[in-house]
Amino acid sequence: VARRLSLRKHPECHSMAGGKAIEHLAQTGNQELLTFRLPMQHYRNCDFSFSGLQHLVNNAIVQKEKEEGIQEGEILSCVKDVAAAVQHAVTVHIIQRTYRAMLFCIKNSILPSKNATLVVSGGVASNQYIRKGLQNLADANDFALLCPPPRLCTDNGVMIAWNGIERLHAGLGVLHSTEGIRYEPR
């Protein structure tokens, strides 16, 4: 979406990654000016998919470009509203699907009845709007929410390494001996 909106050309976002640019612009946008149908509503599972949402957003952008008389690649006057609406739709989709997964795990005794923890990592955990939505979900269902610091959430390689270090410290994992293993956390 950030690429389609040409956010690298936006004066506030030229040096930001796409997700960060969407989050930044969404802070001052009006999410109610555009409404996107949530993906996969007819599927009663825990899967995530954003392809349908991406298609809807692209169509909305094309329509707004026509209304404003601009070409693809130019910045829409309502770019902040588009960012806010997209971020909101993504967040609601993530929350709904995560809630389904939580209920499934509880129903099937996969999680403990007390002290269950929802762990969120990767790029999605760096978005404060999404993180707040997931915190509300966790709180409403008596789950703890565990997220790494946002600075560690932008690179999946870092997330995998962080997980490995935590597991190594806790004595968990597949290694029988940690002798000879050296790691340098940054």
C-alpha atoms as a PDB file:
ATOM      1  CA  VAL A   1       0.000   0.000   0.000  1.00  0.00           C
ATOM      2  CA  ALA A   2       2.839   2.383   0.841  1.00  0.00           C
ATOM      3  CA  ARG A   3       4.414   1.697  -2.546  1.00  0.00           C
ATOM      4  CA  ARG A   4       1.094   2.199  -4.349  1.00  0.00           C
ATOM      5  CA  LEU A   5       0.592   5.490  -2.501  1.00  0.00           C
ATOM      6  CA  SER A   6       4.153   6.550  -3.485  1.00  0.00           C
ATOM      7  CA  LEU A   7       4.949   7.417   0.118  1.00  0.00           C
ATOM      8  CA  ARG A   8       8.679   7.695  -0.672  1.00  0.00           C
ATOM      9  CA  LYS A   9       7.688  10.947  -2.409  1.00  0.00           C
ATOM     10  CA  HIS A  10       5.723  12.232   0.597  1.00  0.00           C
ATOM     11  CA  PRO A  11       7.720  14.921   2.445  1.00  0.00           C
ATOM     12  CA  GLU A  12       7.039  13.374   5.861  1.00  0.00           C
ATOM     13  CA  CYS A  13       7.887   9.824   4.807  1.00  0.00           C
ATOM     14  CA  HIS A  14      10.701   9.894   2.256  1.00  0.00           C
ATOM     15  CA  SER A  15      13.160   8.026   4.498  1.00  0.00           C
ATOM     16  CA  MET A  16      10.682   5.652   6.187  1.00  0.00           C
ATOM     17  CA  ALA A  17       9.945   2.031   5.451  1.00  0.00           C
ATOM     18  CA  GLY A  18       6.433   1.420   4.093  1.00  0.00           C
ATOM     19  CA  GLY A  19       4.800   0.163   7.286  1.00  0.00           C
ATOM     20  CA  LYS A  20       6.306   2.972   9.347  1.00  0.00           C
ATOM     21  CA  ALA A  21       5.116   5.546   6.781  1.00  0.00           C
ATOM     22  CA  ILE A  22       1.563   4.160   6.891  1.00  0.00           C
ATOM     23  CA  GLU A  23       1.583   4.280  10.695  1.00  0.00           C
ATOM     24  CA  HIS A  24       2.979   7.819  10.728  1.00  0.00           C
ATOM     25  CA  LEU A  25       0.422   9.215   8.276  1.00  0.00           C
ATOM     26  CA  ALA A  26      -2.451   7.300   9.878  1.00  0.00           C
ATOM     27  CA  GLN A  27      -1.903   9.150  13.155  1.00  0.00           C
ATOM     28  CA  THR A  28      -3.405  12.316  11.660  1.00  0.00           C
ATOM     29  CA  GLY A  29      -5.750  10.662   9.166  1.00  0.00           C
ATOM     30  CA  ASN A  30      -9.452  10.002   9.520  1.00  0.00           C
ATOM     31  CA  GLN A  31     -10.049   6.255   9.309  1.00  0.00           C
ATOM     32  CA  GLU A  32     -13.805   6.780   8.930  1.00  0.00           C
ATOM     33  CA  LEU A  33     -13.581   8.557   5.560  1.00  0.00           C
ATOM     34  CA  LEU A  34     -12.884   5.222   3.859  1.00  0.00           C
ATOM     35  CA  THR A  35     -14.183   1.829   4.883  1.00  0.00           C
ATOM     36  CA  PHE A  36     -12.679  -1.382   3.622  1.00  0.00           C
ATOM     37  CA  ARG A  37     -14.491  -4.705   3.826  1.00  0.00           C
ATOM     38  CA  LEU A  38     -12.493  -7.041   6.022  1.00  0.00           C
ATOM     39  CA  PRO A  39     -10.875 -10.027   4.325  1.00  0.00           C
ATOM     40  CA  MET A  40     -11.928 -13.648   4.788  1.00  0.00           C
ATOM     41  CA  GLN A  41     -15.118 -12.933   6.731  1.00  0.00           C
ATOM     42  CA  HIS A  42     -16.787 -16.039   5.267  1.00  0.00           C
ATOM     43  CA  TYR A  43     -13.932 -18.315   6.424  1.00  0.00           C
ATOM     44  CA  ARG A  44     -14.355 -19.657   9.931  1.00  0.00           C
ATOM     45  CA  ASN A  45     -10.686 -20.359  10.570  1.00  0.00           C
ATOM     46  CA  CYS A  46      -7.672 -18.568  11.995  1.00  0.00           C
ATOM     47  CA  ASP A  47      -5.877 -17.819   8.715  1.00  0.00           C
ATOM     48  CA  PHE A  48      -4.733 -14.334   7.766  1.00  0.00           C
ATOM     49  CA  SER A  49      -4.825 -12.947   4.249  1.00  0.00           C
ATOM     50  CA  PHE A  50      -4.395  -9.411   3.048  1.00  0.00           C
ATOM     51  CA  SER A  51      -4.621  -9.948  -0.712  1.00  0.00           C
ATOM     52  CA  GLY A  52      -8.351  -9.161  -0.854  1.00  0.00           C
ATOM     53  CA  LEU A  53      -7.830  -6.045   1.227  1.00  0.00           C
ATOM     54  CA  GLN A  54      -4.932  -5.003  -0.990  1.00  0.00           C
ATOM     55  CA  HIS A  55      -7.199  -5.307  -4.025  1.00  0.00           C
ATOM     56  CA  LEU A  56      -9.903  -3.167  -2.376  1.00  0.00           C
ATOM     57  CA  VAL A  57      -7.367  -0.543  -1.331  1.00  0.00           C
ATOM     58  CA  ASN A  58      -5.887  -0.407  -4.825  1.00  0.00           C
ATOM     59  CA  ASN A  59      -9.358   0.118  -6.307  1.00  0.00           C
ATOM     60  CA  ALA A  60     -10.055   2.897  -3.800  1.00  0.00           C
ATOM     61  CA  ILE A  61      -6.755   4.583  -4.648  1.00  0.00           C
ATOM     62  CA  VAL A  62      -7.529   4.409  -8.374  1.00  0.00           C
ATOM     63  CA  GLN A  63     -10.947   5.962  -7.705  1.00  0.00           C
ATOM     64  CA  LYS A  64      -9.457   8.746  -5.576  1.00  0.00           C
ATOM     65  CA  GLU A  65      -6.842   9.460  -8.259  1.00  0.00           C
ATOM     66  CA  LYS A  66      -9.635   9.847 -10.816  1.00  0.00           C
ATOM     67  CA  GLU A  67     -11.600  12.113  -8.481  1.00  0.00           C
ATOM     68  CA  GLU A  68      -8.551  14.306  -7.840  1.00  0.00           C
ATOM     69  CA  GLY A  69      -7.411  14.207 -11.464  1.00  0.00           C
ATOM     70  CA  ILE A  70      -3.930  12.948 -10.664  1.00  0.00           C
ATOM     71  CA  GLN A  71      -1.764  10.231 -12.148  1.00  0.00           C
ATOM     72  CA  GLU A  72      -0.514   7.104 -10.409  1.00  0.00           C
ATOM     73  CA  GLY A  73       2.628   8.048  -8.514  1.00  0.00           C
ATOM     74  CA  GLU A  74       1.374  11.449  -7.388  1.00  0.00           C
ATOM     75  CA  ILE A  75       0.376  12.015  -3.777  1.00  0.00           C
ATOM     76  CA  LEU A  76      -3.345  11.996  -2.997  1.00  0.00           C
ATOM     77  CA  SER A  77      -4.687  14.826  -0.871  1.00  0.00           C
ATOM     78  CA  CYS A  78      -6.433  12.173   1.271  1.00  0.00           C
ATOM     79  CA  VAL A  79      -3.339   9.987   1.665  1.00  0.00           C
ATOM     80  CA  LYS A  80      -3.483  10.240   5.478  1.00  0.00           C
ATOM     81  CA  ASP A  81      -7.109   9.079   5.497  1.00  0.00           C
ATOM     82  CA  VAL A  82      -6.264   6.135   3.228  1.00  0.00           C
ATOM     83  CA  ALA A  83      -3.369   5.201   5.534  1.00  0.00           C
ATOM     84  CA  ALA A  84      -5.614   5.412   8.615  1.00  0.00           C
ATOM     85  CA  ALA A  85      -8.373   3.325   7.013  1.00  0.00           C
ATOM     86  CA  VAL A  86      -5.922   0.670   5.820  1.00  0.00           C
ATOM     87  CA  GLN A  87      -4.160   0.479   9.176  1.00  0.00           C
ATOM     88  CA  HIS A  88      -7.512   0.141  10.935  1.00  0.00           C
ATOM     89  CA  ALA A  89      -8.747  -2.608   8.595  1.00  0.00           C
ATOM     90  CA  VAL A  90      -5.475  -4.535   8.952  1.00  0.00           C
ATOM     91  CA  THR A  91      -5.661  -4.204  12.734  1.00  0.00           C
ATOM     92  CA  VAL A  92      -9.254  -5.398  12.953  1.00  0.00           C
ATOM     93  CA  HIS A  93      -8.449  -8.368  10.692  1.00  0.00           C
ATOM     94  CA  ILE A  94      -5.451  -9.317  12.847  1.00  0.00           C
ATOM     95  CA  ILE A  95      -7.467  -8.957  16.047  1.00  0.00           C
ATOM     96  CA  GLN A  96     -10.401 -11.026  14.746  1.00  0.00           C
ATOM     97  CA  ARG A  97      -8.185 -13.846  13.506  1.00  0.00           C
ATOM     98  CA  THR A  98      -6.036 -13.819  16.631  1.00  0.00           C
ATOM     99  CA  TYR A  99      -9.161 -13.936  18.797  1.00  0.00           C
ATOM    100  CA  ARG A 100     -10.337 -16.999  16.845  1.00  0.00           C
ATOM    101  CA  ALA A 101      -6.961 -18.642  17.470  1.00  0.00           C
ATOM    102  CA  MET A 102      -7.133 -17.826  21.168  1.00  0.00           C
ATOM    103  CA  LEU A 103     -10.626 -19.335  21.453  1.00  0.00           C
ATOM    104  CA  PHE A 104      -9.521 -22.424  19.515  1.00  0.00           C
ATOM    105  CA  CYS A 105      -6.517 -22.918  21.799  1.00  0.00           C
ATOM    106  CA  ILE A 106      -8.599 -22.470  24.939  1.00  0.00           C
ATOM    107  CA  LYS A 107     -11.361 -24.797  23.718  1.00  0.00           C
ATOM    108  CA  ASN A 108      -8.853 -27.506  22.807  1.00  0.00           C
ATOM    109  CA  SER A 109      -6.797 -27.102  26.004  1.00  0.00           C
ATOM    110  CA  ILE A 110      -3.716 -26.115  24.029  1.00  0.00           C
ATOM    111  CA  LEU A 111      -3.091 -23.186  26.375  1.00  0.00           C
ATOM    112  CA  PRO A 112      -3.148 -23.169  30.148  1.00  0.00           C
ATOM    113  CA  SER A 113      -6.423 -21.993  31.667  1.00  0.00           C
ATOM    114  CA  LYS A 114      -4.512 -19.322  33.595  1.00  0.00           C
ATOM    115  CA  ASN A 115      -1.510 -17.175  32.678  1.00  0.00           C
ATOM    116  CA  ALA A 116      -1.816 -17.615  28.914  1.00  0.00           C
ATOM    117  CA  THR A 117       0.437 -15.348  26.879  1.00  0.00           C
ATOM    118  CA  LEU A 118      -0.013 -13.860  23.437  1.00  0.00           C
ATOM    119  CA  VAL A 119       3.365 -13.278  21.784  1.00  0.00           C
ATOM    120  CA  VAL A 120       3.553 -10.837  18.882  1.00  0.00           C
ATOM    121  CA  SER A 121       6.758 -10.214  16.977  1.00  0.00           C
ATOM    122  CA  GLY A 122       8.061  -9.154  13.603  1.00  0.00           C
ATOM    123  CA  GLY A 123       7.084  -6.010  11.738  1.00  0.00           C
ATOM    124  CA  VAL A 124       3.479  -6.138  12.909  1.00  0.00           C
ATOM    125  CA  ALA A 125       4.627  -5.758  16.522  1.00  0.00           C
ATOM    126  CA  SER A 126       6.405  -2.500  15.737  1.00  0.00           C
ATOM    127  CA  ASN A 127       3.126  -0.787  14.784  1.00  0.00           C
ATOM    128  CA  GLN A 128       1.806   0.897  17.929  1.00  0.00           C
ATOM    129  CA  TYR A 129      -1.818   1.014  16.703  1.00  0.00           C
ATOM    130  CA  ILE A 130      -1.834  -2.736  16.038  1.00  0.00           C
ATOM    131  CA  ARG A 131       0.009  -3.398  19.284  1.00  0.00           C
ATOM    132  CA  LYS A 132      -2.582  -1.376  21.233  1.00  0.00           C
ATOM    133  CA  GLY A 133      -5.418  -3.323  19.583  1.00  0.00           C
ATOM    134  CA  LEU A 134      -3.758  -6.617  20.488  1.00  0.00           C
ATOM    135  CA  GLN A 135      -3.143  -5.357  24.040  1.00  0.00           C
ATOM    136  CA  ASN A 136      -6.872  -4.627  24.350  1.00  0.00           C
ATOM    137  CA  LEU A 137      -7.652  -8.113  23.016  1.00  0.00           C
ATOM    138  CA  ALA A 138      -5.228  -9.731  25.444  1.00  0.00           C
ATOM    139  CA  ASP A 139      -6.561  -7.719  28.393  1.00  0.00           C
ATOM    140  CA  ALA A 140     -10.186  -8.566  27.542  1.00  0.00           C
ATOM    141  CA  ASN A 141      -9.340 -12.276  27.547  1.00  0.00           C
ATOM    142  CA  ASP A 142      -6.983 -12.378  30.548  1.00  0.00           C
ATOM    143  CA  PHE A 143      -3.902 -13.002  28.415  1.00  0.00           C
ATOM    144  CA  ALA A 144      -0.531 -11.401  28.935  1.00  0.00           C
ATOM    145  CA  LEU A 145       0.841  -9.705  25.827  1.00  0.00           C
ATOM    146  CA  LEU A 146       4.529 -10.130  25.147  1.00  0.00           C
ATOM    147  CA  CYS A 147       6.180  -8.030  22.445  1.00  0.00           C
ATOM    148  CA  PRO A 148       9.851  -7.321  21.928  1.00  0.00           C
ATOM    149  CA  PRO A 149      10.915  -3.681  21.879  1.00  0.00           C
ATOM    150  CA  PRO A 150       9.809  -2.020  18.607  1.00  0.00           C
ATOM    151  CA  ARG A 151      13.440  -1.452  17.558  1.00  0.00           C
ATOM    152  CA  LEU A 152      13.848  -5.249  17.371  1.00  0.00           C
ATOM    153  CA  CYS A 153      10.609  -5.836  15.462  1.00  0.00           C
ATOM    154  CA  THR A 154      11.556  -4.624  12.017  1.00  0.00           C
ATOM    155  CA  ASP A 155      13.759  -7.499  10.896  1.00  0.00           C
ATOM    156  CA  ASN A 156      12.656 -11.126  11.039  1.00  0.00           C
ATOM    157  CA  GLY A 157      16.291 -12.258  11.198  1.00  0.00           C
ATOM    158  CA  VAL A 158      16.703 -10.210  14.375  1.00  0.00           C
ATOM    159  CA  MET A 159      13.478 -11.719  15.745  1.00  0.00           C
ATOM    160  CA  ILE A 160      14.697 -15.263  15.097  1.00  0.00           C
ATOM    161  CA  ALA A 161      18.034 -14.482  16.721  1.00  0.00           C
ATOM    162  CA  TRP A 162      16.318 -12.848  19.709  1.00  0.00           C
ATOM    163  CA  ASN A 163      14.117 -15.915  20.139  1.00  0.00           C
ATOM    164  CA  GLY A 164      17.192 -18.148  19.947  1.00  0.00           C
ATOM    165  CA  ILE A 165      19.036 -16.134  22.587  1.00  0.00           C
ATOM    166  CA  GLU A 166      16.022 -16.209  24.921  1.00  0.00           C
ATOM    167  CA  ARG A 167      15.637 -19.977  24.435  1.00  0.00           C
ATOM    168  CA  LEU A 168      19.371 -20.489  24.996  1.00  0.00           C
ATOM    169  CA  HIS A 169      19.236 -18.479  28.242  1.00  0.00           C
ATOM    170  CA  ALA A 170      16.204 -20.482  29.388  1.00  0.00           C
ATOM    171  CA  GLY A 171      17.838 -23.800  28.541  1.00  0.00           C
ATOM    172  CA  LEU A 172      15.151 -24.618  25.975  1.00  0.00           C
ATOM    173  CA  GLY A 173      15.619 -25.921  22.469  1.00  0.00           C
ATOM    174  CA  VAL A 174      17.318 -28.727  20.619  1.00  0.00           C
ATOM    175  CA  LEU A 175      20.874 -28.262  21.841  1.00  0.00           C
ATOM    176  CA  HIS A 176      22.077 -30.688  24.474  1.00  0.00           C
ATOM    177  CA  SER A 177      25.094 -28.535  25.218  1.00  0.00           C
ATOM    178  CA  THR A 178      25.720 -24.855  24.638  1.00  0.00           C
ATOM    179  CA  GLU A 179      29.484 -25.275  24.964  1.00  0.00           C
ATOM    180  CA  GLY A 180      31.373 -23.603  22.167  1.00  0.00           C
ATOM    181  CA  ILE A 181      28.432 -21.439  21.108  1.00  0.00           C
ATOM    182  CA  ARG A 182      29.196 -17.743  21.085  1.00  0.00           C
ATOM    183  CA  TYR A 183      26.647 -15.036  20.473  1.00  0.00           C
ATOM    184  CA  GLU A 184      26.887 -11.278  20.555  1.00  0.00           C
ATOM    185  CA  PRO A 185      23.576  -9.524  21.178  1.00  0.00           C
ATOM    186  CA  ARG A 186      23.429  -5.921  20.028  1.00  0.00           C
END
